[in-house]
Amino acid sequence: MHSLNFEEIVDRYYPMLYRFAYSLARQEADACDLTQQTFSVWAEKGHLLRDETKVKSWLFTTLYREFISQKRRETRWPQEDIAEVENELPCAVTETIDHLEADQVMEALHALDETFRAPLTLYYLEDHSYDEIAEILDVPIGTIMSRLSRGKKKLQQTLAERLDRTGAKALPFRVVKGGAHD
């Protein structure tokens, strides 16, 4: 157990950590987020540190690792203004979303190849994480992410094709609100 409590550690190291975070992130909000995340990790794992003299270096190392992780995430999944990529968004039929019955969606899901059906079912219907799905299906997490993305597109295409046969109008998918994971 540490002789310093959480509040004392925050009071002592927050200004230094914030300055370091700001020098890395170059944005006030991002620096605040990094600093807060660092203290969140400390609250969760700080008790594991055996040498109290290493608190400062542990906090700075953790902050730096959080920054690197954040940059990797931004590289893998860049955030873009919706107006800039609006034309790239897939289309869905408004009537599909408003009037589609669960059995119709399930029928379209069952029409997909097992390669895509299993990850979609586990993620959207069973609420498993990417890691859990990768473990269940015994495939790498990157493969799971790819199959989910491609499977969603195939499911949307299948549903759109079925609605095209009924003469429904297609509108951009982005207008649809709600959904567990989107």
Protein backbone atom coordinates (compact mmCIF):
# COMPACT_ATOMS: atom_id res chain seq x y z
CA MET A 1 0.00 0.00 0.00
CA HIS A 2 1.23 3.49 -0.77
CA SER A 3 1.81 6.12 1.89
CA LEU A 4 0.39 8.67 -0.57
CA ASN A 5 -3.30 8.47 -1.32
CA PHE A 6 -4.81 9.05 -4.75
CA GLU A 7 -5.64 12.72 -4.13
CA GLU A 8 -2.10 13.48 -2.95
CA ILE A 9 -0.65 11.83 -6.03
CA VAL A 10 -2.97 13.83 -8.32
CA ASP A 11 -2.15 17.08 -6.50
CA ARG A 12 1.58 16.44 -6.68
CA TYR A 13 1.91 15.18 -10.26
CA TYR A 14 -1.00 16.63 -12.24
CA PRO A 15 0.73 19.86 -13.35
CA MET A 16 3.86 18.01 -14.53
CA LEU A 17 1.88 15.30 -16.30
CA TYR A 18 -0.40 17.83 -17.96
CA ARG A 19 2.58 19.81 -19.30
CA PHE A 20 4.10 16.60 -20.66
CA ALA A 21 0.78 15.57 -22.20
CA TYR A 22 0.37 19.01 -23.77
CA SER A 23 3.85 18.83 -25.26
CA LEU A 24 2.92 15.50 -26.87
CA ALA A 25 -0.68 16.17 -27.93
CA ARG A 26 -0.44 19.90 -28.73
CA GLN A 27 -4.13 20.26 -27.94
CA GLU A 28 -5.52 21.28 -24.58
CA ALA A 29 -8.44 18.84 -24.67
CA ASP A 30 -6.23 15.94 -25.74
CA ALA A 31 -3.71 16.78 -23.01
CA CYS A 32 -6.51 16.78 -20.42
CA ASP A 33 -7.78 13.44 -21.72
CA LEU A 34 -4.31 11.88 -21.60
CA THR A 35 -3.71 13.15 -18.08
CA GLN A 36 -7.09 11.93 -16.90
CA GLN A 37 -6.54 8.53 -18.54
CA THR A 38 -3.17 8.24 -16.81
CA PHE A 39 -4.74 8.82 -13.41
CA SER A 40 -7.52 6.41 -14.30
CA VAL A 41 -4.93 3.72 -14.99
CA TRP A 42 -3.18 4.63 -11.73
CA ALA A 43 -6.45 4.25 -9.81
CA GLU A 44 -6.87 0.81 -11.34
CA LYS A 45 -3.30 -0.50 -11.28
CA GLY A 46 -1.22 1.80 -9.08
CA HIS A 47 -1.48 -0.53 -6.12
CA LEU A 48 0.71 -3.00 -8.04
CA LEU A 49 3.71 -0.65 -7.91
CA ARG A 50 6.02 -1.93 -5.18
CA ASP A 51 8.54 0.91 -5.03
CA GLU A 52 6.87 4.19 -4.04
CA THR A 53 9.87 6.15 -5.30
CA LYS A 54 8.90 5.14 -8.84
CA VAL A 55 5.41 6.69 -8.82
CA LYS A 56 6.50 9.67 -10.92
CA SER A 57 8.28 7.60 -13.56
CA TRP A 58 5.38 5.12 -13.63
CA LEU A 59 2.90 7.94 -14.27
CA PHE A 60 5.01 9.49 -17.03
CA THR A 61 5.60 6.13 -18.69
CA THR A 62 1.90 5.34 -18.54
CA LEU A 63 0.99 8.72 -20.02
CA TYR A 64 3.46 8.22 -22.86
CA ARG A 65 2.12 4.74 -23.57
CA GLU A 66 -1.43 6.08 -23.61
CA PHE A 67 -0.34 8.74 -26.09
CA ILE A 68 1.27 6.13 -28.36
CA SER A 69 -1.83 3.93 -28.15
CA GLN A 70 -4.04 6.89 -29.04
CA LYS A 71 -1.86 7.75 -32.07
CA ARG A 72 -2.01 4.14 -33.26
CA ARG A 73 -5.80 4.15 -32.98
CA GLU A 74 -6.00 7.42 -34.91
CA THR A 75 -3.79 5.94 -37.63
CA ARG A 76 -5.88 2.79 -37.90
CA TRP A 77 -9.24 4.51 -37.64
CA PRO A 78 -8.87 8.15 -38.64
CA GLN A 79 -11.66 10.49 -37.67
CA GLU A 80 -13.03 12.55 -40.50
CA ASP A 81 -15.66 15.23 -40.70
CA ILE A 82 -18.89 13.62 -41.86
CA ALA A 83 -19.46 16.33 -44.47
CA GLU A 84 -16.16 15.42 -46.14
CA VAL A 85 -17.00 11.72 -46.51
CA GLU A 86 -20.77 11.95 -46.90
CA ASN A 87 -20.67 10.65 -50.46
CA GLU A 88 -18.76 7.55 -49.32
CA LEU A 89 -21.41 6.43 -46.83
CA PRO A 90 -23.42 3.36 -47.80
CA CYS A 91 -27.09 3.71 -48.68
CA ALA A 92 -29.98 2.05 -46.93
CA VAL A 93 -33.62 2.22 -47.71
CA THR A 94 -35.65 4.34 -45.30
CA GLU A 95 -38.59 2.01 -45.52
CA THR A 96 -36.27 -0.86 -44.63
CA ILE A 97 -35.33 0.70 -41.36
CA ASP A 98 -38.82 1.92 -40.54
CA HIS A 99 -40.81 -1.13 -41.56
CA LEU A 100 -38.44 -4.06 -41.65
CA GLU A 101 -39.46 -6.93 -39.48
CA ALA A 102 -36.90 -8.78 -37.40
CA ASP A 103 -37.54 -11.98 -39.30
CA GLN A 104 -36.69 -10.22 -42.57
CA VAL A 105 -33.37 -9.05 -41.18
CA MET A 106 -32.67 -12.51 -39.79
CA GLU A 107 -33.54 -14.04 -43.15
CA ALA A 108 -31.06 -11.70 -44.86
CA LEU A 109 -28.46 -12.51 -42.20
CA HIS A 110 -28.94 -16.23 -42.73
CA ALA A 111 -28.46 -15.73 -46.47
CA LEU A 112 -24.90 -14.53 -45.81
CA ASP A 113 -21.94 -16.87 -45.91
CA GLU A 114 -20.97 -18.31 -42.52
CA THR A 115 -17.70 -16.38 -42.69
CA PHE A 116 -19.65 -13.15 -42.24
CA ARG A 117 -22.75 -14.42 -40.45
CA ALA A 118 -20.93 -15.72 -37.36
CA PRO A 119 -19.04 -12.50 -36.48
CA LEU A 120 -22.13 -10.34 -37.19
CA THR A 121 -24.30 -12.53 -34.98
CA LEU A 122 -21.77 -12.61 -32.14
CA TYR A 123 -21.16 -8.85 -32.27
CA TYR A 124 -24.61 -7.42 -32.89
CA LEU A 125 -26.93 -10.04 -31.44
CA GLU A 126 -24.83 -11.52 -28.66
CA ASP A 127 -22.88 -8.33 -27.72
CA HIS A 128 -19.43 -9.96 -27.74
CA SER A 129 -16.30 -7.81 -28.05
CA TYR A 130 -13.85 -8.15 -30.93
CA ASP A 131 -11.46 -10.01 -28.62
CA GLU A 132 -14.13 -12.45 -27.52
CA ILE A 133 -15.21 -13.12 -31.10
CA ALA A 134 -11.59 -13.68 -32.15
CA GLU A 135 -11.22 -16.21 -29.34
CA ILE A 136 -14.54 -17.93 -30.07
CA LEU A 137 -13.84 -18.24 -33.81
CA ASP A 138 -10.11 -18.80 -33.31
CA VAL A 139 -9.06 -16.15 -35.84
CA PRO A 140 -7.01 -12.93 -35.44
CA ILE A 141 -8.82 -9.80 -34.27
CA GLY A 142 -7.95 -8.01 -37.53
CA THR A 143 -9.76 -10.72 -39.44
CA ILE A 144 -12.80 -10.25 -37.19
CA MET A 145 -12.84 -6.51 -37.83
CA SER A 146 -12.56 -7.08 -41.57
CA ARG A 147 -15.32 -9.70 -41.60
CA LEU A 148 -17.62 -7.44 -39.58
CA SER A 149 -17.07 -4.55 -41.96
CA ARG A 150 -17.51 -6.63 -45.09
CA GLY A 151 -20.40 -8.55 -43.56
CA LYS A 152 -22.27 -5.34 -42.72
CA LYS A 153 -21.87 -4.14 -46.28
CA LYS A 154 -23.10 -7.47 -47.64
CA LEU A 155 -26.08 -7.44 -45.27
CA GLN A 156 -26.95 -3.87 -46.29
CA GLN A 157 -26.69 -4.85 -49.96
CA THR A 158 -28.92 -7.86 -49.41
CA LEU A 159 -31.54 -5.78 -47.62
CA ALA A 160 -31.35 -3.03 -50.26
CA GLU A 161 -31.78 -5.57 -53.07
CA ARG A 162 -34.83 -7.03 -51.38
CA LEU A 163 -36.34 -3.57 -51.06
CA ASP A 164 -35.48 -2.65 -54.63
CA ARG A 165 -37.74 -5.49 -55.65
CA THR A 166 -40.55 -3.80 -53.73
CA GLY A 167 -39.87 -0.38 -55.31
CA ALA A 168 -38.85 1.40 -52.10
CA LYS A 169 -36.68 4.55 -52.29
CA ALA A 170 -33.08 4.49 -51.09
CA LEU A 171 -31.75 7.26 -48.84
CA PRO A 172 -28.26 7.66 -47.36
CA PHE A 173 -27.64 5.31 -44.47
CA ARG A 174 -26.42 8.19 -42.29
CA VAL A 175 -29.97 9.49 -41.75
CA VAL A 176 -30.87 6.41 -39.75
CA LYS A 177 -30.72 6.94 -36.01
CA GLY A 178 -30.21 4.34 -33.32
CA GLY A 179 -28.55 0.96 -33.41
CA ALA A 180 -26.60 -0.83 -30.75
CA HIS A 181 -23.13 -0.46 -32.23
CA ASP A 182 -23.25 2.20 -34.93
